[in-house]
Amino acid sequence: MKNYYRVILGRKSAHAPACFDGGFIGADFSIKEDLTRNLPDEWRTFNRQFIPVYLAARPDKSKIGAGLACGALWTLAKGIRPGDRVLCPDGSGSYRVGEVQGEYYYAAGQVLPHRRKVRWLETAIPRASMSEALQNSSGSAGTVSDISGYRQEVEALLGDPSALPAAGIVSRDPNVEDPIAFAMEKHLEAFLVANWAQTLLSRDFSIYEEDGEPVGQQYATDAGPIDLLAISKDKRRLLVVELKRGRASDVVVGQVLRYMGYVKEQVAEEDQVVEGVIIALEDDQKLRWALLAVPSISFFRYEISFKLVKG
């Protein structure tokens, strides 16, 4: 089964025309060497080798930014497989769709030298035709974003009639009492990111940014992907955010502690502390007991409301 990725071709899609004309996708990340013999099967191994290389070339960047950059480069060069499809913004409100045709190659001295050959399809997808959830995912910051979870919607937008019934995000399951709430819970992460400024957490924290763009969503680590990584306004506290669409059990406390340990060891600067927060629809007594012993982790309950206002 083919996977789908959103790939940005240069800052603000500056190199998109060259990629469309030349039949490739690519990236730079200030790593000026051929990676053909340095693409292990695990991105973690790649990151351990190339984060120091990236930071040497870009001393202005943080360890968080270095991890994101190297992870994106590995995904473009190795993680994306021949036959997978990429959606690339063209800079005018649409996404060109291409099918990856070959393995990684290096184009020394050219723009976006870390490349993959691509056969561009004739059909483009207007951003306005996407569901709000797909718009949020395809519009997320970072060079590469895995949007395979929206495979059926993308294929429907490309004209596959068999995918149309699954393209919508609202459940028609008669057992779902409130389809609006179901849809919003299903896309809780995208909803939270889009509405971060309206949450209590935004008073003290911002979703982690690089170059003015939020990149803390689905932050990849050796301990697993962190739903959201945030940083305090004074830059002295890092916050690991774990989202649960339904009831959260005490098991999630261990999961958050694992992420916090990784961030403390691999990401945080010496003067930064690491905290955690669990956001869920409900908690239980076991979770409350567990949190009493871990004051560095907080719990927030989310509520979904929907109303009509007469215009």
Protein backbone atom coordinates (compact mmCIF):
# COMPACT_ATOMS: atom_id res chain seq x y z
CA MET A 1 0.00 0.00 0.00
CA LYS A 2 1.43 3.36 -1.01
CA ASN A 3 1.97 6.05 1.62
CA TYR A 4 1.39 9.77 1.24
CA TYR A 5 3.66 12.61 2.34
CA ARG A 6 3.42 16.38 2.22
CA VAL A 7 6.79 17.80 1.12
CA ILE A 8 7.66 21.50 1.00
CA LEU A 9 10.13 22.33 -1.76
CA GLY A 10 12.22 25.11 -0.26
CA ARG A 11 11.19 27.90 2.07
CA LYS A 12 7.74 29.13 1.02
CA SER A 13 7.93 26.63 -1.90
CA ALA A 14 10.61 28.77 -3.56
CA HIS A 15 12.06 25.79 -5.47
CA ALA A 16 8.74 24.19 -6.43
CA PRO A 17 8.89 25.30 -10.11
CA ALA A 18 12.37 23.79 -10.53
CA CYS A 19 11.20 20.53 -8.95
CA PHE A 20 8.07 20.35 -11.09
CA ASP A 21 10.08 21.04 -14.26
CA GLY A 22 12.94 18.71 -13.32
CA GLY A 23 10.87 15.79 -12.04
CA PHE A 24 12.24 15.56 -8.51
CA ILE A 25 11.73 16.47 -4.88
CA GLY A 26 14.61 17.53 -2.68
CA ALA A 27 15.98 19.10 0.48
CA ASP A 28 19.13 20.83 1.68
CA PHE A 29 19.46 21.25 5.47
CA SER A 30 23.06 22.53 5.11
CA ILE A 31 24.46 18.98 4.90
CA LYS A 32 26.82 19.15 1.95
CA GLU A 33 27.69 15.52 1.31
CA ASP A 34 26.38 12.55 -0.63
CA LEU A 35 24.33 10.36 1.74
CA THR A 36 24.11 7.32 -0.54
CA ARG A 37 26.27 5.19 1.77
CA ASN A 38 24.94 6.77 4.96
CA LEU A 39 21.23 5.96 4.91
CA PRO A 40 20.56 3.33 7.59
CA ASP A 41 17.19 1.65 7.85
CA GLU A 42 16.52 3.47 11.16
CA TRP A 43 16.18 7.25 11.28
CA ARG A 44 17.47 7.17 14.88
CA THR A 45 20.84 5.87 13.68
CA PHE A 46 20.93 8.57 11.00
CA ASN A 47 20.11 11.29 13.52
CA ARG A 48 22.84 10.19 15.91
CA GLN A 49 25.38 10.55 13.11
CA PHE A 50 24.16 13.72 11.44
CA ILE A 51 22.78 15.93 14.23
CA PRO A 52 26.38 16.95 15.11
CA VAL A 53 27.06 17.60 11.41
CA TYR A 54 23.96 19.77 11.14
CA LEU A 55 24.76 21.74 14.31
CA ALA A 56 28.32 22.33 13.11
CA ALA A 57 26.92 23.88 9.92
CA ARG A 58 24.10 25.70 11.74
CA PRO A 59 25.31 26.68 15.24
CA ASP A 60 22.35 29.05 15.52
CA LYS A 61 19.95 26.07 15.70
CA SER A 62 18.82 24.19 18.80
CA LYS A 63 19.09 20.45 19.40
CA ILE A 64 15.32 20.27 18.84
CA GLY A 65 15.66 21.94 15.46
CA ALA A 66 18.57 19.68 14.55
CA GLY A 67 16.56 16.57 15.35
CA LEU A 68 13.65 17.77 13.23
CA ALA A 69 15.89 18.67 10.29
CA CYS A 70 17.79 15.36 10.28
CA GLY A 71 14.60 13.36 10.74
CA ALA A 72 13.00 15.13 7.77
CA LEU A 73 16.10 14.57 5.63
CA TRP A 74 16.14 10.84 6.43
CA THR A 75 12.44 10.56 5.62
CA LEU A 76 12.85 12.26 2.25
CA ALA A 77 15.99 10.30 1.37
CA LYS A 78 15.11 6.87 2.76
CA GLY A 79 11.75 6.70 4.54
CA ILE A 80 9.72 7.54 1.45
CA ARG A 81 9.65 4.46 -0.78
CA PRO A 82 9.41 4.18 -4.57
CA GLY A 83 5.70 4.13 -5.39
CA ASP A 84 4.74 6.42 -2.50
CA ARG A 85 3.10 9.70 -3.39
CA VAL A 86 4.00 13.24 -2.37
CA LEU A 87 1.82 16.34 -2.17
CA CYS A 88 3.81 19.53 -2.69
CA PRO A 89 2.38 23.05 -2.36
CA ASP A 90 2.85 25.04 -5.55
CA GLY A 91 2.74 28.45 -3.85
CA SER A 92 -0.64 29.40 -5.28
CA GLY A 93 -3.07 27.47 -3.10
CA SER A 94 -2.86 24.00 -4.65
CA TYR A 95 -0.81 20.84 -4.20
CA ARG A 96 0.93 19.05 -7.04
CA VAL A 97 0.91 15.29 -6.61
CA GLY A 98 3.82 13.11 -7.62
CA GLU A 99 4.76 9.46 -7.50
CA VAL A 100 8.28 8.70 -6.30
CA GLN A 101 10.14 6.76 -9.01
CA GLY A 102 13.57 6.02 -7.64
CA GLU A 103 15.98 5.91 -4.73
CA TYR A 104 17.99 8.76 -3.25
CA TYR A 105 20.62 10.59 -5.30
CA TYR A 106 22.82 13.62 -4.67
CA ALA A 107 22.97 16.62 -7.03
CA ALA A 108 26.09 18.44 -5.84
CA GLY A 109 26.09 22.21 -6.27
CA GLN A 110 22.40 22.43 -7.17
CA VAL A 111 19.37 23.59 -5.24
CA LEU A 112 17.87 20.98 -2.91
CA PRO A 113 20.74 18.55 -3.62
CA HIS A 114 19.32 15.60 -1.65
CA ARG A 115 16.82 14.32 -4.21
CA ARG A 116 14.33 11.67 -5.33
CA LYS A 117 12.99 11.31 -8.87
CA VAL A 118 9.25 11.95 -9.15
CA ARG A 119 6.64 11.53 -11.87
CA TRP A 120 4.24 14.44 -11.43
CA LEU A 121 0.57 13.69 -12.03
CA GLU A 122 -1.57 15.96 -14.15
CA THR A 123 -4.12 16.47 -11.37
CA ALA A 124 -3.51 19.15 -8.73
CA ILE A 125 -5.48 19.34 -5.49
CA PRO A 126 -6.80 22.78 -4.45
CA ARG A 127 -6.29 23.29 -0.73
CA ALA A 128 -9.87 24.61 -0.48
CA SER A 129 -11.23 21.20 -1.57
CA MET A 130 -9.61 19.39 1.38
CA SER A 131 -11.33 18.63 4.67
CA GLU A 132 -10.32 20.87 7.55
CA ALA A 133 -8.40 17.98 9.12
CA LEU A 134 -6.38 17.34 5.96
CA GLN A 135 -5.76 21.06 5.55
CA ASN A 136 -4.33 21.17 9.06
CA SER A 137 -2.11 18.12 8.51
CA SER A 138 -0.90 19.13 5.07
CA GLY A 139 -0.35 22.67 6.30
CA SER A 140 1.75 21.66 9.30
CA ALA A 141 5.22 23.12 9.62
CA GLY A 142 8.31 21.15 8.69
CA THR A 143 9.66 20.01 5.36
CA VAL A 144 8.11 16.53 5.40
CA SER A 145 4.83 15.40 6.95
CA ASP A 146 3.33 11.90 6.77
CA ILE A 147 -0.32 12.29 5.75
CA SER A 148 -0.99 8.61 5.01
CA GLY A 149 -3.84 8.70 7.52
CA TYR A 150 -5.77 10.72 4.92
CA ARG A 151 -5.02 8.30 2.08
CA GLN A 152 -8.67 7.70 1.19
CA GLU A 153 -9.51 11.39 1.10
CA VAL A 154 -6.49 12.17 -1.08
CA GLU A 155 -7.35 9.35 -3.48
CA ALA A 156 -10.93 10.58 -3.65
CA LEU A 157 -9.67 14.09 -4.47
CA LEU A 158 -7.55 12.54 -7.21
CA GLY A 159 -10.65 11.04 -8.76
CA ASP A 160 -10.92 7.52 -7.31
CA PRO A 161 -14.71 6.99 -6.91
CA SER A 162 -14.24 3.99 -4.60
CA ALA A 163 -12.60 6.25 -2.02
CA LEU A 164 -15.38 8.83 -1.89
CA PRO A 165 -17.49 7.27 0.89
CA ALA A 166 -14.52 7.25 3.24
CA ALA A 167 -13.31 10.74 2.47
CA GLY A 168 -15.53 12.59 4.94
CA ILE A 169 -14.53 12.98 8.56
CA VAL A 170 -18.02 12.81 10.11
CA SER A 171 -19.04 9.34 11.28
CA ARG A 172 -22.32 7.86 10.06
CA ASP A 173 -22.17 5.04 12.57
CA PRO A 174 -25.64 4.87 14.25
CA ASN A 175 -23.89 4.04 17.53
CA VAL A 176 -22.18 7.45 17.56
CA GLU A 177 -24.52 9.75 19.46
CA ASP A 178 -22.92 13.04 18.41
CA PRO A 179 -21.16 12.87 15.01
CA ILE A 180 -19.79 16.41 15.38
CA ALA A 181 -18.11 15.54 18.67
CA PHE A 182 -16.87 12.25 17.19
CA ALA A 183 -15.22 14.06 14.28
CA MET A 184 -13.59 16.62 16.54
CA GLU A 185 -12.30 13.95 18.92
CA LYS A 186 -10.95 11.97 15.96
CA HIS A 187 -8.90 15.00 14.96
CA LEU A 188 -8.15 16.26 18.45
CA GLU A 189 -4.49 16.94 17.78
CA ALA A 190 -5.09 19.12 14.72
CA PHE A 191 -7.93 20.89 16.52
CA LEU A 192 -5.76 21.61 19.56
CA VAL A 193 -2.89 22.95 17.45
CA ALA A 194 -5.23 25.20 15.48
CA ASN A 195 -6.82 26.53 18.69
CA TRP A 196 -3.77 26.56 20.96
CA ALA A 197 -4.10 30.29 21.64
CA GLN A 198 -7.52 29.70 23.24
CA THR A 199 -6.25 27.12 25.76
CA LEU A 200 -5.05 27.62 29.33
CA LEU A 201 -1.68 26.18 28.37
CA SER A 202 -1.06 29.02 25.91
CA ARG A 203 -0.73 31.46 28.80
CA ASP A 204 2.66 30.00 29.68
CA PHE A 205 3.65 27.83 26.71
CA SER A 206 3.93 27.95 22.94
CA ILE A 207 4.19 24.99 20.59
CA TYR A 208 7.88 24.72 19.79
CA GLU A 209 8.94 26.82 16.80
CA GLU A 210 11.87 26.98 14.44
CA ASP A 211 12.26 30.04 12.18
CA GLY A 212 8.88 31.29 13.33
CA GLU A 213 7.02 28.09 12.39
CA PRO A 214 5.51 25.65 14.93
CA VAL A 215 7.34 22.34 14.55
CA GLY A 216 6.58 20.65 17.87
CA GLN A 217 3.68 18.55 16.54
CA GLN A 218 4.42 14.79 16.36
CA TYR A 219 8.02 15.36 17.43
CA ALA A 220 9.92 12.15 16.66
CA THR A 221 12.08 10.64 19.41
CA ASP A 222 13.75 7.32 20.18
CA ALA A 223 11.03 6.87 22.83
CA GLY A 224 8.24 7.30 20.28
CA PRO A 225 6.51 10.32 18.70
CA ILE A 226 5.52 13.09 21.13
CA ASP A 227 2.08 14.48 20.28
CA LEU A 228 3.13 18.05 21.07
CA LEU A 229 6.33 19.57 22.37
CA ALA A 230 5.93 23.07 23.81
CA ILE A 231 8.28 25.59 25.40
CA SER A 232 7.57 28.25 28.01
CA LYS A 233 7.60 31.93 27.13
CA ASP A 234 10.82 32.38 29.16
CA LYS A 235 12.43 29.38 27.35
CA ARG A 236 13.23 27.66 30.66
CA ARG A 237 10.60 24.89 30.60
CA LEU A 238 9.86 22.25 27.99
CA LEU A 239 6.41 20.64 28.02
CA VAL A 240 5.57 17.16 26.73
CA VAL A 241 1.87 16.98 25.77
CA GLU A 242 0.15 13.60 25.40
CA LEU A 243 -3.36 13.52 23.92
CA LYS A 244 -5.95 10.81 24.54
CA ARG A 245 -9.26 11.01 22.74
CA GLY A 246 -11.19 9.07 25.37
CA ARG A 247 -10.44 8.06 28.95
CA ALA A 248 -6.81 8.19 30.09
CA SER A 249 -5.53 5.39 32.34
CA ASP A 250 -2.54 5.32 34.66
CA VAL A 251 -0.57 3.59 31.88
CA VAL A 252 -0.19 6.92 30.12
CA VAL A 253 1.83 8.28 33.03
CA GLY A 254 4.67 5.88 32.24
CA GLN A 255 4.46 6.84 28.59
CA VAL A 256 4.77 10.55 29.39
CA LEU A 257 7.64 9.90 31.81
CA ARG A 258 9.46 8.01 29.06
CA TYR A 259 9.09 10.97 26.69
CA MET A 260 10.12 13.40 29.43
CA GLY A 261 13.24 11.35 30.16
CA TYR A 262 14.23 11.42 26.50
CA VAL A 263 13.66 15.18 26.23
CA LYS A 264 15.64 15.80 29.42
CA GLU A 265 18.60 13.72 28.22
CA GLN A 266 18.65 14.43 24.48
CA VAL A 267 16.88 17.73 23.86
CA ALA A 268 16.80 20.06 26.87
CA GLU A 269 19.54 22.56 27.52
CA GLU A 270 21.27 22.43 30.90
CA ASP A 271 19.13 25.21 32.38
CA GLN A 272 15.79 23.84 31.13
CA VAL A 273 13.36 21.70 33.13
CA VAL A 274 10.96 19.21 31.56
CA GLU A 275 7.29 18.89 32.49
CA GLY A 276 4.40 16.82 31.15
CA VAL A 277 0.69 17.20 30.63
CA ILE A 278 -2.01 14.67 29.75
CA ILE A 279 -5.12 15.87 27.91
CA ALA A 280 -8.08 13.51 27.70
CA LEU A 281 -11.86 13.38 27.67
CA GLU A 282 -11.95 11.60 31.03
CA ASP A 283 -9.64 10.35 33.77
CA ASP A 284 -10.10 7.68 36.47
CA GLN A 285 -9.10 7.12 40.06
CA LYS A 286 -6.01 5.09 39.15
CA LEU A 287 -4.73 7.96 37.03
CA ARG A 288 -5.39 10.45 39.84
CA TRP A 289 -3.42 8.31 42.29
CA ALA A 290 -0.52 7.97 39.85
CA LEU A 291 -0.38 11.72 39.25
CA LEU A 292 -0.24 12.43 42.98
CA ALA A 293 3.21 10.84 42.98
CA VAL A 294 4.39 12.72 39.87
CA PRO A 295 3.82 16.47 40.42
CA SER A 296 5.70 17.30 37.22
CA ILE A 297 2.79 15.90 35.15
CA SER A 298 -0.58 17.67 35.03
CA PHE A 299 -3.96 16.54 33.72
CA PHE A 300 -6.44 18.57 31.65
CA ARG A 301 -9.88 17.45 30.57
CA TYR A 302 -11.11 18.73 27.22
CA GLU A 303 -14.70 19.59 26.38
CA ILE A 304 -16.30 19.84 22.95
CA SER A 305 -19.22 22.18 22.32
CA PHE A 306 -21.14 23.11 19.22
CA LYS A 307 -23.71 25.87 18.84
CA LEU A 308 -25.46 27.90 16.19
CA VAL A 309 -25.54 31.70 16.32
CA LYS A 310 -28.18 33.43 14.24
CA GLY A 311 -26.63 35.89 11.81
